[in-house]
Amino acid sequence: MNRRTRLPSAFSKVSVKSQTVIPREVRERLRLKPGDTLRYRMTEDGVLLDKAPANEADDPFATFSEWSNEADEKAYRDPTTLLCAFV
């Protein structure tokens, strides 16, 4: 018989301010420290939570999906585009 082993689950409650405590097992597994940024990725099966890579966590536009089309990417790569907007 080929059984999948389930990893242990961890639970926490959400406060009235939508805050929660990350269980110790999760903090240790992700090696989280104070000030780290978490990334939430929606999937068809649920939500994946992991520690955001430093380069992604520092991008102030990462959460704005409406600014992630090809024209925006080109503008971000071309510094003259930004200069023209202010002239």
N, C-alpha and C. Protein backbone atom coordinates (compact mmCIF):
# COMPACT_ATOMS: atom_id res chain seq x y z
N MET A 1 0.84 -1.18 0.00
CA MET A 1 0.00 0.00 0.00
C MET A 1 0.89 1.24 0.00
N ASN A 2 0.53 2.20 -0.84
CA ASN A 2 1.34 3.41 -1.00
C ASN A 2 0.63 4.58 -0.34
N ARG A 3 0.86 4.79 0.94
CA ARG A 3 0.20 5.87 1.70
C ARG A 3 1.07 7.11 1.75
N ARG A 4 0.44 8.26 1.59
CA ARG A 4 1.14 9.53 1.76
C ARG A 4 1.17 9.87 3.24
N THR A 5 2.32 10.28 3.70
CA THR A 5 2.41 10.70 5.10
C THR A 5 2.03 12.17 5.18
N ARG A 6 1.17 12.46 6.11
CA ARG A 6 0.75 13.84 6.29
C ARG A 6 1.68 14.54 7.28
N LEU A 7 2.06 15.74 6.92
CA LEU A 7 2.84 16.56 7.85
C LEU A 7 1.91 17.08 8.93
N PRO A 8 2.43 17.33 10.11
CA PRO A 8 1.57 17.83 11.19
C PRO A 8 1.00 19.20 10.84
N SER A 9 -0.20 19.46 11.32
CA SER A 9 -0.86 20.75 11.10
C SER A 9 -0.61 21.66 12.30
N ALA A 10 -0.67 22.94 12.06
CA ALA A 10 -0.58 23.94 13.13
C ALA A 10 -1.76 24.89 12.95
N PHE A 11 -2.29 25.38 14.06
CA PHE A 11 -3.47 26.24 14.00
C PHE A 11 -3.24 27.52 14.78
N SER A 12 -3.94 28.58 14.38
CA SER A 12 -3.97 29.82 15.15
C SER A 12 -5.28 30.52 14.85
N LYS A 13 -5.71 31.36 15.77
CA LYS A 13 -6.96 32.11 15.60
C LYS A 13 -6.66 33.49 15.04
N VAL A 14 -7.65 34.07 14.39
CA VAL A 14 -7.55 35.42 13.86
C VAL A 14 -8.29 36.35 14.81
N SER A 15 -7.63 37.45 15.20
CA SER A 15 -8.23 38.41 16.13
C SER A 15 -9.22 39.32 15.40
N VAL A 16 -9.90 40.17 16.14
CA VAL A 16 -10.84 41.12 15.53
C VAL A 16 -10.12 42.11 14.62
N LYS A 17 -8.81 42.26 14.81
CA LYS A 17 -8.01 43.14 13.95
C LYS A 17 -7.36 42.37 12.80
N SER A 18 -7.81 41.13 12.58
CA SER A 18 -7.27 40.25 11.52
C SER A 18 -5.81 39.88 11.77
N GLN A 19 -5.40 39.87 13.02
CA GLN A 19 -4.03 39.48 13.37
C GLN A 19 -4.03 38.05 13.87
N THR A 20 -2.89 37.39 13.74
CA THR A 20 -2.74 36.03 14.24
C THR A 20 -1.31 35.83 14.72
N VAL A 21 -1.11 34.82 15.53
CA VAL A 21 0.22 34.44 15.97
C VAL A 21 0.68 33.28 15.10
N ILE A 22 1.86 33.39 14.54
CA ILE A 22 2.39 32.31 13.73
C ILE A 22 2.91 31.23 14.69
N PRO A 23 2.39 30.02 14.58
CA PRO A 23 2.83 28.97 15.50
C PRO A 23 4.34 28.77 15.47
N ARG A 24 4.88 28.42 16.64
CA ARG A 24 6.34 28.25 16.78
C ARG A 24 6.89 27.29 15.73
N GLU A 25 6.19 26.17 15.49
CA GLU A 25 6.68 25.18 14.52
C GLU A 25 6.84 25.80 13.13
N VAL A 26 5.91 26.67 12.78
CA VAL A 26 5.97 27.33 11.47
C VAL A 26 7.11 28.35 11.45
N ARG A 27 7.22 29.16 12.51
CA ARG A 27 8.32 30.14 12.59
C ARG A 27 9.68 29.45 12.49
N GLU A 28 9.82 28.33 13.18
CA GLU A 28 11.10 27.61 13.13
C GLU A 28 11.36 27.01 11.76
N ARG A 29 10.34 26.43 11.18
CA ARG A 29 10.50 25.80 9.86
C ARG A 29 10.85 26.83 8.78
N LEU A 30 10.24 28.02 8.86
CA LEU A 30 10.53 29.08 7.88
C LEU A 30 11.72 29.94 8.29
N ARG A 31 12.25 29.68 9.49
CA ARG A 31 13.37 30.48 10.04
C ARG A 31 13.03 31.96 10.06
N LEU A 32 11.85 32.26 10.59
CA LEU A 32 11.37 33.64 10.65
C LEU A 32 12.00 34.40 11.80
N LYS A 33 12.31 35.65 11.53
CA LYS A 33 12.83 36.56 12.55
C LYS A 33 11.94 37.81 12.55
N PRO A 34 11.96 38.57 13.65
CA PRO A 34 11.18 39.83 13.66
C PRO A 34 11.59 40.71 12.48
N GLY A 35 10.60 41.26 11.79
CA GLY A 35 10.85 42.13 10.64
C GLY A 35 10.80 41.41 9.30
N ASP A 36 10.80 40.07 9.30
CA ASP A 36 10.71 39.34 8.04
C ASP A 36 9.33 39.57 7.41
N THR A 37 9.27 39.45 6.10
CA THR A 37 8.02 39.61 5.37
C THR A 37 7.53 38.24 4.93
N LEU A 38 6.23 38.02 5.09
CA LEU A 38 5.62 36.78 4.65
C LEU A 38 4.97 36.98 3.29
N ARG A 39 4.94 35.91 2.51
CA ARG A 39 4.29 35.95 1.19
C ARG A 39 3.12 34.97 1.21
N TYR A 40 1.96 35.43 0.77
CA TYR A 40 0.76 34.60 0.66
C TYR A 40 0.49 34.39 -0.82
N ARG A 41 0.45 33.14 -1.26
CA ARG A 41 0.17 32.84 -2.67
C ARG A 41 -1.09 32.01 -2.75
N MET A 42 -2.07 32.52 -3.50
CA MET A 42 -3.34 31.82 -3.67
C MET A 42 -3.16 30.71 -4.70
N THR A 43 -3.66 29.52 -4.37
CA THR A 43 -3.63 28.40 -5.30
C THR A 43 -5.04 27.82 -5.38
N GLU A 44 -5.24 26.88 -6.26
CA GLU A 44 -6.55 26.25 -6.35
C GLU A 44 -6.84 25.39 -5.13
N ASP A 45 -5.78 24.94 -4.44
CA ASP A 45 -5.95 24.09 -3.27
C ASP A 45 -6.01 24.87 -1.96
N GLY A 46 -5.69 26.14 -1.98
CA GLY A 46 -5.69 26.93 -0.76
C GLY A 46 -4.70 28.07 -0.85
N VAL A 47 -4.04 28.36 0.25
CA VAL A 47 -3.07 29.46 0.31
C VAL A 47 -1.74 28.90 0.77
N LEU A 48 -0.68 29.25 0.06
CA LEU A 48 0.67 28.89 0.47
C LEU A 48 1.29 30.07 1.20
N LEU A 49 1.90 29.80 2.31
CA LEU A 49 2.55 30.83 3.12
C LEU A 49 4.02 30.49 3.18
N ASP A 50 4.87 31.45 2.84
CA ASP A 50 6.30 31.25 3.01
C ASP A 50 6.98 32.58 3.30
N LYS A 51 8.26 32.51 3.56
CA LYS A 51 9.04 33.71 3.82
C LYS A 51 9.36 34.34 2.47
N ALA A 52 9.06 35.61 2.33
CA ALA A 52 9.28 36.29 1.05
C ALA A 52 10.77 36.46 0.80
N PRO A 53 11.22 36.18 -0.42
CA PRO A 53 12.63 36.45 -0.75
C PRO A 53 12.91 37.94 -0.57
N ALA A 54 14.12 38.26 -0.17
CA ALA A 54 14.48 39.65 0.12
C ALA A 54 14.18 40.59 -1.05
N ASN A 55 14.51 40.19 -2.27
CA ASN A 55 14.28 41.08 -3.41
C ASN A 55 12.80 41.32 -3.65
N GLU A 56 11.96 40.32 -3.41
CA GLU A 56 10.52 40.48 -3.61
C GLU A 56 9.89 41.29 -2.48
N ALA A 57 10.37 41.10 -1.28
CA ALA A 57 9.82 41.80 -0.13
C ALA A 57 10.13 43.29 -0.19
N ASP A 58 11.20 43.67 -0.86
CA ASP A 58 11.60 45.07 -0.95
C ASP A 58 10.90 45.81 -2.08
N ASP A 59 10.16 45.10 -2.94
CA ASP A 59 9.49 45.74 -4.07
C ASP A 59 8.16 46.32 -3.63
N PRO A 60 8.04 47.66 -3.57
CA PRO A 60 6.80 48.25 -3.09
C PRO A 60 5.61 48.01 -4.01
N PHE A 61 5.85 47.61 -5.26
CA PHE A 61 4.77 47.39 -6.21
C PHE A 61 4.39 45.92 -6.33
N ALA A 62 5.02 45.03 -5.57
CA ALA A 62 4.78 43.59 -5.69
C ALA A 62 3.33 43.22 -5.42
N THR A 63 2.66 43.93 -4.54
CA THR A 63 1.29 43.56 -4.19
C THR A 63 0.26 44.14 -5.15
N PHE A 64 0.66 45.04 -6.04
CA PHE A 64 -0.28 45.68 -6.94
C PHE A 64 -0.31 44.95 -8.28
N SER A 65 -1.15 43.94 -8.40
CA SER A 65 -1.18 43.14 -9.62
C SER A 65 -1.64 43.96 -10.83
N GLU A 66 -2.39 45.05 -10.59
CA GLU A 66 -2.85 45.85 -11.73
C GLU A 66 -1.70 46.60 -12.39
N TRP A 67 -0.54 46.63 -11.73
CA TRP A 67 0.63 47.29 -12.32
C TRP A 67 1.62 46.27 -12.84
N SER A 68 1.16 45.12 -13.22
CA SER A 68 2.11 44.09 -13.64
C SER A 68 1.85 43.64 -15.08
N ASN A 69 1.56 44.61 -15.96
CA ASN A 69 1.41 44.22 -17.36
C ASN A 69 2.71 44.55 -18.11
N GLU A 70 2.76 44.19 -19.38
CA GLU A 70 4.00 44.36 -20.14
C GLU A 70 4.42 45.82 -20.29
N ALA A 71 3.48 46.72 -20.47
CA ALA A 71 3.81 48.15 -20.60
C ALA A 71 4.47 48.67 -19.31
N ASP A 72 3.95 48.24 -18.18
CA ASP A 72 4.54 48.66 -16.90
C ASP A 72 5.95 48.10 -16.75
N GLU A 73 6.13 46.82 -17.09
CA GLU A 73 7.46 46.21 -16.98
C GLU A 73 8.46 46.97 -17.85
N LYS A 74 8.04 47.34 -19.06
CA LYS A 74 8.93 48.09 -19.95
C LYS A 74 9.27 49.45 -19.34
N ALA A 75 8.28 50.11 -18.78
CA ALA A 75 8.51 51.42 -18.17
C ALA A 75 9.47 51.32 -16.98
N TYR A 76 9.35 50.26 -16.20
CA TYR A 76 10.25 50.09 -15.05
C TYR A 76 11.69 49.87 -15.49
N ARG A 77 11.87 49.19 -16.64
CA ARG A 77 13.22 48.92 -17.14
C ARG A 77 13.83 50.14 -17.81
N ASP A 78 13.00 51.05 -18.33
CA ASP A 78 13.48 52.20 -19.09
C ASP A 78 13.39 53.46 -18.23
N PRO A 79 14.53 53.90 -17.66
CA PRO A 79 14.49 55.07 -16.77
C PRO A 79 14.05 56.35 -17.47
N THR A 80 14.19 56.45 -18.80
CA THR A 80 13.77 57.67 -19.49
C THR A 80 12.25 57.81 -19.48
N THR A 81 11.54 56.73 -19.37
CA THR A 81 10.08 56.78 -19.29
C THR A 81 9.66 57.55 -18.05
N LEU A 82 10.32 57.29 -16.94
CA LEU A 82 9.98 57.99 -15.70
C LEU A 82 10.35 59.46 -15.80
N LEU A 83 11.46 59.78 -16.45
CA LEU A 83 11.86 61.18 -16.58
C LEU A 83 10.84 61.94 -17.43
N CYS A 84 10.36 61.32 -18.50
CA CYS A 84 9.39 61.98 -19.37
C CYS A 84 8.10 62.30 -18.63
N ALA A 85 7.75 61.47 -17.69
CA ALA A 85 6.50 61.69 -16.95
C ALA A 85 6.55 62.93 -16.09
N PHE A 86 7.73 63.37 -15.72
CA PHE A 86 7.87 64.52 -14.83
C PHE A 86 8.28 65.79 -15.55
N VAL A 87 8.54 65.71 -16.85
CA VAL A 87 9.00 66.91 -17.60
C VAL A 87 7.85 67.77 -17.99
